[in-house]
C-alpha cells in the first residue's frame, strides 16, 4: 500500500464523534477521527514499513501520524529521526502515545528521554517521562539503574508541582509506574507519592487533582505489583 491508499482507507474509517473527542483533547485539523482499534486491519496488510511511516507522519494529519507510530520500525530510526518526530508532535496524544511509545522499543530510549526530560520544554519533558513509564512497564527490572530511577523519583518530588501541565501528568504516572512495575523501588515510590500528595492540573472550573497514592493502592488491592506488558505497542 502507498501513502494515498492508506490515507483513503483512514478517511473511510473516520467518524465525526471520534474526531470531536480527539479535538477536545488537543488534536487539530487535518484529522479524520479514526478509532485506534479500527487501524488494525490496515496494519495487518502493511506490517512495519518505516519509509511509509515517515510519509504518513509528515502529512500532519493526526490519524496518519498515529498510524505512522503503529507501522514504524523503531530500530530503523535514529536520534535525529525521533527529534524530528518530536518537533511535529503538537499535543500530548502524539508526544506521549506515538513518539514516546515508538522510542521505547529502541536501545537509545533512555538516552533520548533523559535529554527531553532536561529540556524544559513541556511536551518533550512529558514524552521523556512517558517513555520511562513505557520502558518500566515492559522491560525487566535489571535493565535499569536503581540509583538512576531513585534520583528521578527525587526530581519528581522536588519539581512536579511547578512543572508544566502535561509534564505533571507524565511525572505523576512515573511515580505510579515505578511503584507498580519496578519492584526494587516500590516502597520509595509509595513514600514519594505520599510526600507529593495531590497534584493540581487545569484551572478554574476545569481544575482537578492527580493522586498517585490512590492509584497505587488500587493496583496493590488488585494484586498488580510487578505488572509488565508483553508489548509496548499494541
C-alpha atoms as a PDB file:
ATOM      1  CA  UNK A   1       0.000   0.000   0.000  1.00  0.00           C
ATOM      2  CA  UNK A   2       1.201   3.510  -0.771  1.00  0.00           C
ATOM      3  CA  UNK A   3       0.516   6.780   1.020  1.00  0.00           C
ATOM      4  CA  UNK A   4      -2.601   7.679  -0.976  1.00  0.00           C
ATOM      5  CA  UNK A   5      -4.145   4.246  -0.443  1.00  0.00           C
ATOM      6  CA  UNK A   6      -3.579   4.386   3.316  1.00  0.00           C
ATOM      7  CA  UNK A   7      -4.978   7.910   3.559  1.00  0.00           C
ATOM      8  CA  UNK A   8      -8.099   6.834   1.668  1.00  0.00           C
ATOM      9  CA  UNK A   9      -8.632   3.882   3.992  1.00  0.00           C
ATOM     10  CA  UNK A  10      -8.124   6.035   7.079  1.00  0.00           C
ATOM     11  CA  UNK A  11     -10.557   8.645   5.789  1.00  0.00           C
ATOM     12  CA  UNK A  12     -13.178   5.953   5.200  1.00  0.00           C
ATOM     13  CA  UNK A  13     -12.822   4.839   8.828  1.00  0.00           C
ATOM     14  CA  UNK A  14     -13.238   8.339  10.267  1.00  0.00           C
ATOM     15  CA  UNK A  15     -16.198   9.177  12.479  1.00  0.00           C
ATOM     16  CA  UNK A  16     -17.328  12.661  13.450  1.00  0.00           C
ATOM     17  CA  UNK A  17     -17.873  11.687  17.088  1.00  0.00           C
ATOM     18  CA  UNK A  18     -14.337  10.326  17.393  1.00  0.00           C
ATOM     19  CA  UNK A  19     -12.967  13.387  15.610  1.00  0.00           C
ATOM     20  CA  UNK A  20     -14.642  15.701  18.112  1.00  0.00           C
ATOM     21  CA  UNK A  21     -13.288  13.652  21.010  1.00  0.00           C
ATOM     22  CA  UNK A  22      -9.739  13.930  19.651  1.00  0.00           C
ATOM     23  CA  UNK A  23     -10.202  17.659  19.097  1.00  0.00           C
ATOM     24  CA  UNK A  24     -11.368  18.102  22.680  1.00  0.00           C
ATOM     25  CA  UNK A  25      -8.021  16.618  23.754  1.00  0.00           C
ATOM     26  CA  UNK A  26      -5.986  18.946  21.557  1.00  0.00           C
ATOM     27  CA  UNK A  27      -5.990  17.434  18.060  1.00  0.00           C
ATOM     28  CA  UNK A  28      -6.379  19.898  15.216  1.00  0.00           C
ATOM     29  CA  UNK A  29      -7.185  19.728  11.518  1.00  0.00           C
ATOM     30  CA  UNK A  30      -6.425  17.817   9.443  1.00  0.00           C
ATOM     31  CA  UNK A  31      -7.795  14.641  11.010  1.00  0.00           C
ATOM     32  CA  UNK A  32     -10.456  12.044  10.209  1.00  0.00           C
ATOM     33  CA  UNK A  33     -11.376  10.685  13.642  1.00  0.00           C
ATOM     34  CA  UNK A  34     -10.297   7.053  13.324  1.00  0.00           C
ATOM     35  CA  UNK A  35     -10.602   4.799  16.373  1.00  0.00           C
ATOM     36  CA  UNK A  36      -7.220   3.227  17.083  1.00  0.00           C
ATOM     37  CA  UNK A  37      -8.686  -0.273  17.045  1.00  0.00           C
ATOM     38  CA  UNK A  38     -10.032   0.398  13.578  1.00  0.00           C
ATOM     39  CA  UNK A  39      -6.484   0.725  12.272  1.00  0.00           C
ATOM     40  CA  UNK A  40      -5.568  -2.903  12.979  1.00  0.00           C
ATOM     41  CA  UNK A  41      -6.845  -4.324   9.648  1.00  0.00           C
ATOM     42  CA  UNK A  42      -4.688  -1.809   7.756  1.00  0.00           C
ATOM     43  CA  UNK A  43      -1.687  -2.695   9.916  1.00  0.00           C
ATOM     44  CA  UNK A  44      -2.149  -6.384   9.093  1.00  0.00           C
ATOM     45  CA  UNK A  45      -1.834  -5.524   5.410  1.00  0.00           C
ATOM     46  CA  UNK A  46       1.293  -3.424   5.844  1.00  0.00           C
ATOM     47  CA  UNK A  47       3.092  -4.683   8.985  1.00  0.00           C
ATOM     48  CA  UNK A  48       6.135  -2.488   9.693  1.00  0.00           C
ATOM     49  CA  UNK A  49       7.224  -0.076   6.977  1.00  0.00           C
ATOM     50  CA  UNK A  50       9.465   2.807   8.033  1.00  0.00           C
ATOM     51  CA  UNK A  51       9.509   4.718   4.719  1.00  0.00           C
ATOM     52  CA  UNK A  52       5.700   4.719   4.634  1.00  0.00           C
ATOM     53  CA  UNK A  53       5.582   5.676   8.318  1.00  0.00           C
ATOM     54  CA  UNK A  54       7.740   8.714   7.563  1.00  0.00           C
ATOM     55  CA  UNK A  55       5.417   9.768   4.748  1.00  0.00           C
ATOM     56  CA  UNK A  56       2.361   9.400   6.962  1.00  0.00           C
ATOM     57  CA  UNK A  57       3.875  11.329   9.857  1.00  0.00           C
ATOM     58  CA  UNK A  58       4.859  14.177   7.534  1.00  0.00           C
ATOM     59  CA  UNK A  59       1.239  14.718   6.447  1.00  0.00           C
ATOM     60  CA  UNK A  60       0.386  16.485   9.718  1.00  0.00           C
ATOM     61  CA  UNK A  61      -2.896  14.549   9.772  1.00  0.00           C
ATOM     62  CA  UNK A  62      -3.394  13.280  13.331  1.00  0.00           C
ATOM     63  CA  UNK A  63      -4.754   9.864  12.313  1.00  0.00           C
ATOM     64  CA  UNK A  64      -1.953   9.380   9.794  1.00  0.00           C
ATOM     65  CA  UNK A  65       0.639  10.426  12.386  1.00  0.00           C
ATOM     66  CA  UNK A  66      -0.788   7.974  14.912  1.00  0.00           C
ATOM     67  CA  UNK A  67      -0.803   5.175  12.335  1.00  0.00           C
ATOM     68  CA  UNK A  68       2.797   6.055  11.475  1.00  0.00           C
ATOM     69  CA  UNK A  69       3.688   5.034  15.015  1.00  0.00           C
ATOM     70  CA  UNK A  70       1.824   1.752  14.557  1.00  0.00           C
ATOM     71  CA  UNK A  71       3.753   0.711  11.435  1.00  0.00           C
ATOM     72  CA  UNK A  72       7.098   2.327  12.315  1.00  0.00           C
ATOM     73  CA  UNK A  73      10.273   0.270  12.621  1.00  0.00           C
ATOM     74  CA  UNK A  74      11.767   1.890  15.734  1.00  0.00           C
ATOM     75  CA  UNK A  75      15.155   0.235  15.353  1.00  0.00           C
ATOM     76  CA  UNK A  76      15.495   1.858  11.919  1.00  0.00           C
ATOM     77  CA  UNK A  77      15.097   5.305  13.494  1.00  0.00           C
ATOM     78  CA  UNK A  78      17.987   7.459  14.657  1.00  0.00           C
ATOM     79  CA  UNK A  79      18.006  10.027  17.439  1.00  0.00           C
ATOM     80  CA  UNK A  80      17.620  12.706  14.763  1.00  0.00           C
ATOM     81  CA  UNK A  81      14.514  10.930  13.459  1.00  0.00           C
ATOM     82  CA  UNK A  82      12.953  10.948  16.916  1.00  0.00           C
ATOM     83  CA  UNK A  83      13.822  14.614  17.361  1.00  0.00           C
ATOM     84  CA  UNK A  84      12.081  15.352  14.064  1.00  0.00           C
ATOM     85  CA  UNK A  85       9.006  13.377  15.119  1.00  0.00           C
ATOM     86  CA  UNK A  86       9.016  15.168  18.459  1.00  0.00           C
ATOM     87  CA  UNK A  87       9.137  18.523  16.665  1.00  0.00           C
ATOM     88  CA  UNK A  88       5.944  17.520  14.846  1.00  0.00           C
ATOM     89  CA  UNK A  89       4.164  16.291  17.986  1.00  0.00           C
ATOM     90  CA  UNK A  90       1.960  19.279  18.714  1.00  0.00           C
ATOM     91  CA  UNK A  91      -0.055  17.770  21.587  1.00  0.00           C
ATOM     92  CA  UNK A  92       0.280  15.052  24.187  1.00  0.00           C
ATOM     93  CA  UNK A  93      -1.500  12.253  22.317  1.00  0.00           C
ATOM     94  CA  UNK A  94       1.327  12.434  19.772  1.00  0.00           C
ATOM     95  CA  UNK A  95       4.218  13.129  22.150  1.00  0.00           C
ATOM     96  CA  UNK A  96       3.286  10.520  24.763  1.00  0.00           C
ATOM     97  CA  UNK A  97       1.386   7.869  22.792  1.00  0.00           C
ATOM     98  CA  UNK A  98       3.171   7.925  19.436  1.00  0.00           C
ATOM     99  CA  UNK A  99       6.689   9.308  19.817  1.00  0.00           C
ATOM    100  CA  UNK A 100       7.385   8.042  23.348  1.00  0.00           C
ATOM    101  CA  UNK A 101       5.871   4.632  22.632  1.00  0.00           C
ATOM    102  CA  UNK A 102       7.919   4.207  19.457  1.00  0.00           C
ATOM    103  CA  UNK A 103      11.098   5.364  21.207  1.00  0.00           C
ATOM    104  CA  UNK A 104      10.503   2.830  23.997  1.00  0.00           C
ATOM    105  CA  UNK A 105      11.275  -0.007  21.568  1.00  0.00           C
ATOM    106  CA  UNK A 106      14.815   1.224  20.876  1.00  0.00           C
ATOM    107  CA  UNK A 107      18.217   0.897  22.504  1.00  0.00           C
ATOM    108  CA  UNK A 108      18.548   4.699  22.697  1.00  0.00           C
ATOM    109  CA  UNK A 109      15.306   5.201  24.637  1.00  0.00           C
ATOM    110  CA  UNK A 110      16.821   6.228  27.968  1.00  0.00           C
ATOM    111  CA  UNK A 111      19.478   8.438  26.386  1.00  0.00           C
ATOM    112  CA  UNK A 112      16.959  10.398  24.312  1.00  0.00           C
ATOM    113  CA  UNK A 113      14.387  10.540  27.126  1.00  0.00           C
ATOM    114  CA  UNK A 114      16.979  11.956  29.527  1.00  0.00           C
ATOM    115  CA  UNK A 115      17.639  14.825  27.110  1.00  0.00           C
ATOM    116  CA  UNK A 116      13.943  15.522  26.707  1.00  0.00           C
ATOM    117  CA  UNK A 117      13.328  15.500  30.459  1.00  0.00           C
ATOM    118  CA  UNK A 118      16.128  18.055  30.904  1.00  0.00           C
ATOM    119  CA  UNK A 119      14.922  20.243  28.003  1.00  0.00           C
ATOM    120  CA  UNK A 120      12.475  22.417  29.918  1.00  0.00           C
ATOM    121  CA  UNK A 121      10.004  22.051  27.028  1.00  0.00           C
ATOM    122  CA  UNK A 122       6.573  20.821  28.140  1.00  0.00           C
ATOM    123  CA  UNK A 123       5.831  18.130  25.549  1.00  0.00           C
ATOM    124  CA  UNK A 124       9.437  16.968  25.301  1.00  0.00           C
ATOM    125  CA  UNK A 125       9.521  16.543  29.066  1.00  0.00           C
ATOM    126  CA  UNK A 126       6.178  14.779  29.002  1.00  0.00           C
ATOM    127  CA  UNK A 127       7.404  12.414  26.286  1.00  0.00           C
ATOM    128  CA  UNK A 128      10.599  11.684  28.203  1.00  0.00           C
ATOM    129  CA  UNK A 129       8.827  10.796  31.443  1.00  0.00           C
ATOM    130  CA  UNK A 130       6.193   8.842  29.499  1.00  0.00           C
ATOM    131  CA  UNK A 131       8.859   6.855  27.676  1.00  0.00           C
ATOM    132  CA  UNK A 132      10.284   5.750  31.013  1.00  0.00           C
ATOM    133  CA  UNK A 133       6.787   4.624  32.002  1.00  0.00           C
ATOM    134  CA  UNK A 134       6.525   2.508  28.849  1.00  0.00           C
ATOM    135  CA  UNK A 135      10.023   1.117  29.477  1.00  0.00           C
ATOM    136  CA  UNK A 136       9.479   0.269  33.158  1.00  0.00           C
ATOM    137  CA  UNK A 137       6.150  -1.325  32.335  1.00  0.00           C
ATOM    138  CA  UNK A 138       7.684  -3.620  29.740  1.00  0.00           C
ATOM    139  CA  UNK A 139      11.353  -4.378  30.374  1.00  0.00           C
ATOM    140  CA  UNK A 140      12.913  -6.497  33.154  1.00  0.00           C
ATOM    141  CA  UNK A 141      13.859  -4.597  36.309  1.00  0.00           C
ATOM    142  CA  UNK A 142      17.530  -5.484  35.894  1.00  0.00           C
ATOM    143  CA  UNK A 143      17.770  -3.337  32.753  1.00  0.00           C
ATOM    144  CA  UNK A 144      17.530  -0.190  34.871  1.00  0.00           C
ATOM    145  CA  UNK A 145      19.896   1.505  37.305  1.00  0.00           C
ATOM    146  CA  UNK A 146      18.187   1.552  40.677  1.00  0.00           C
ATOM    147  CA  UNK A 147      20.173   4.635  41.640  1.00  0.00           C
ATOM    148  CA  UNK A 148      19.120   6.466  38.499  1.00  0.00           C
ATOM    149  CA  UNK A 149      15.425   5.685  38.930  1.00  0.00           C
ATOM    150  CA  UNK A 150      15.637   6.689  42.597  1.00  0.00           C
ATOM    151  CA  UNK A 151      17.173  10.003  41.570  1.00  0.00           C
ATOM    152  CA  UNK A 152      14.371  10.533  39.064  1.00  0.00           C
ATOM    153  CA  UNK A 153      11.805   9.975  41.807  1.00  0.00           C
ATOM    154  CA  UNK A 154      13.527  12.663  43.871  1.00  0.00           C
ATOM    155  CA  UNK A 155      13.448  15.000  40.869  1.00  0.00           C
ATOM    156  CA  UNK A 156       9.716  14.432  40.515  1.00  0.00           C
ATOM    157  CA  UNK A 157       9.162  15.101  44.218  1.00  0.00           C
ATOM    158  CA  UNK A 158      11.056  18.374  44.037  1.00  0.00           C
ATOM    159  CA  UNK A 159       9.656  19.753  40.774  1.00  0.00           C
ATOM    160  CA  UNK A 160       6.257  18.261  39.914  1.00  0.00           C
ATOM    161  CA  UNK A 161       4.124  20.992  41.486  1.00  0.00           C
ATOM    162  CA  UNK A 162       5.866  23.667  39.413  1.00  0.00           C
ATOM    163  CA  UNK A 163       6.124  21.642  36.193  1.00  0.00           C
ATOM    164  CA  UNK A 164       4.132  22.410  33.002  1.00  0.00           C
ATOM    165  CA  UNK A 165       0.704  20.776  32.963  1.00  0.00           C
ATOM    166  CA  UNK A 166       1.272  17.842  30.604  1.00  0.00           C
ATOM    167  CA  UNK A 167       4.579  17.170  32.312  1.00  0.00           C
ATOM    168  CA  UNK A 168       2.715  16.910  35.615  1.00  0.00           C
ATOM    169  CA  UNK A 169       0.558  14.125  34.183  1.00  0.00           C
ATOM    170  CA  UNK A 170       3.605  12.194  32.966  1.00  0.00           C
ATOM    171  CA  UNK A 171       5.547  12.697  36.196  1.00  0.00           C
ATOM    172  CA  UNK A 172       2.588  11.569  38.266  1.00  0.00           C
ATOM    173  CA  UNK A 173       2.331   8.474  36.073  1.00  0.00           C
ATOM    174  CA  UNK A 174       6.064   7.872  36.549  1.00  0.00           C
ATOM    175  CA  UNK A 175       5.631   7.649  40.323  1.00  0.00           C
ATOM    176  CA  UNK A 176       2.755   5.216  39.828  1.00  0.00           C
ATOM    177  CA  UNK A 177       4.664   3.115  37.284  1.00  0.00           C
ATOM    178  CA  UNK A 178       7.764   2.810  39.461  1.00  0.00           C
ATOM    179  CA  UNK A 179       5.611   1.730  42.410  1.00  0.00           C
ATOM    180  CA  UNK A 180       3.740  -0.889  40.393  1.00  0.00           C
ATOM    181  CA  UNK A 181       6.203  -2.112  37.755  1.00  0.00           C
ATOM    182  CA  UNK A 182       9.681  -1.579  39.256  1.00  0.00           C
ATOM    183  CA  UNK A 183       9.701  -3.622  42.431  1.00  0.00           C
ATOM    184  CA  UNK A 184      13.166  -2.599  43.761  1.00  0.00           C
ATOM    185  CA  UNK A 185      11.801   0.898  44.428  1.00  0.00           C
ATOM    186  CA  UNK A 186       8.183   0.125  45.261  1.00  0.00           C
ATOM    187  CA  UNK A 187       8.480   1.367  48.843  1.00  0.00           C
ATOM    188  CA  UNK A 188      10.361   4.517  47.845  1.00  0.00           C
ATOM    189  CA  UNK A 189       7.787   5.332  45.163  1.00  0.00           C
ATOM    190  CA  UNK A 190       4.963   4.861  47.666  1.00  0.00           C
ATOM    191  CA  UNK A 191       6.726   7.251  50.035  1.00  0.00           C
ATOM    192  CA  UNK A 192       7.329   9.804  47.284  1.00  0.00           C
ATOM    193  CA  UNK A 193       3.670   9.623  46.256  1.00  0.00           C
ATOM    194  CA  UNK A 194       2.639  10.437  49.810  1.00  0.00           C
ATOM    195  CA  UNK A 195       5.110  13.317  50.049  1.00  0.00           C
ATOM    196  CA  UNK A 196       3.967  14.767  46.727  1.00  0.00           C
ATOM    197  CA  UNK A 197       0.287  14.456  47.599  1.00  0.00           C
ATOM    198  CA  UNK A 198      -2.442  15.658  45.218  1.00  0.00           C
ATOM    199  CA  UNK A 199      -1.141  17.493  42.129  1.00  0.00           C
ATOM    200  CA  UNK A 200      -3.381  20.186  40.682  1.00  0.00           C
ATOM    201  CA  UNK A 201      -3.843  20.395  36.915  1.00  0.00           C
ATOM    202  CA  UNK A 202      -6.112  22.704  34.960  1.00  0.00           C
ATOM    203  CA  UNK A 203      -7.556  25.907  36.340  1.00  0.00           C
ATOM    204  CA  UNK A 204     -10.859  27.359  37.433  1.00  0.00           C
ATOM    205  CA  UNK A 205     -13.862  25.128  36.844  1.00  0.00           C
ATOM    206  CA  UNK A 206     -11.666  22.637  34.937  1.00  0.00           C
ATOM    207  CA  UNK A 207      -9.203  22.223  37.789  1.00  0.00           C
ATOM    208  CA  UNK A 208      -8.644  18.698  39.112  1.00  0.00           C
ATOM    209  CA  UNK A 209      -6.121  16.777  41.180  1.00  0.00           C
ATOM    210  CA  UNK A 210      -3.887  13.847  40.277  1.00  0.00           C
ATOM    211  CA  UNK A 211      -3.068  11.500  43.137  1.00  0.00           C
ATOM    212  CA  UNK A 212      -0.560   8.729  42.532  1.00  0.00           C
ATOM    213  CA  UNK A 213      -1.096   7.284  46.029  1.00  0.00           C
ATOM    214  CA  UNK A 214      -4.730   6.468  45.320  1.00  0.00           C
ATOM    215  CA  UNK A 215      -3.939   4.695  42.055  1.00  0.00           C
ATOM    216  CA  UNK A 216      -1.008   2.807  43.553  1.00  0.00           C
ATOM    217  CA  UNK A 217      -3.257   1.488  46.318  1.00  0.00           C
ATOM    218  CA  UNK A 218      -5.821   0.373  43.747  1.00  0.00           C
ATOM    219  CA  UNK A 219      -3.090  -1.577  41.924  1.00  0.00           C
ATOM    220  CA  UNK A 220      -1.938  -3.141  45.209  1.00  0.00           C
ATOM    221  CA  UNK A 221      -5.511  -4.159  46.038  1.00  0.00           C
ATOM    222  CA  UNK A 222      -5.842  -5.814  42.622  1.00  0.00           C
ATOM    223  CA  UNK A 223      -2.593  -7.737  43.033  1.00  0.00           C
ATOM    224  CA  UNK A 224      -0.920  -5.927  40.122  1.00  0.00           C
ATOM    225  CA  UNK A 225       2.509  -5.330  41.649  1.00  0.00           C
ATOM    226  CA  UNK A 226       5.226  -6.420  39.242  1.00  0.00           C
ATOM    227  CA  UNK A 227       2.999  -5.865  36.207  1.00  0.00           C
ATOM    228  CA  UNK A 228       4.833  -5.915  32.872  1.00  0.00           C
ATOM    229  CA  UNK A 229       3.337  -5.537  29.399  1.00  0.00           C
ATOM    230  CA  UNK A 230       4.306  -8.147  26.857  1.00  0.00           C
ATOM    231  CA  UNK A 231       4.479  -5.473  24.147  1.00  0.00           C
ATOM    232  CA  UNK A 232       4.806  -1.689  24.249  1.00  0.00           C
ATOM    233  CA  UNK A 233       2.859  -1.099  21.053  1.00  0.00           C
ATOM    234  CA  UNK A 234      -0.453  -2.899  20.623  1.00  0.00           C
END
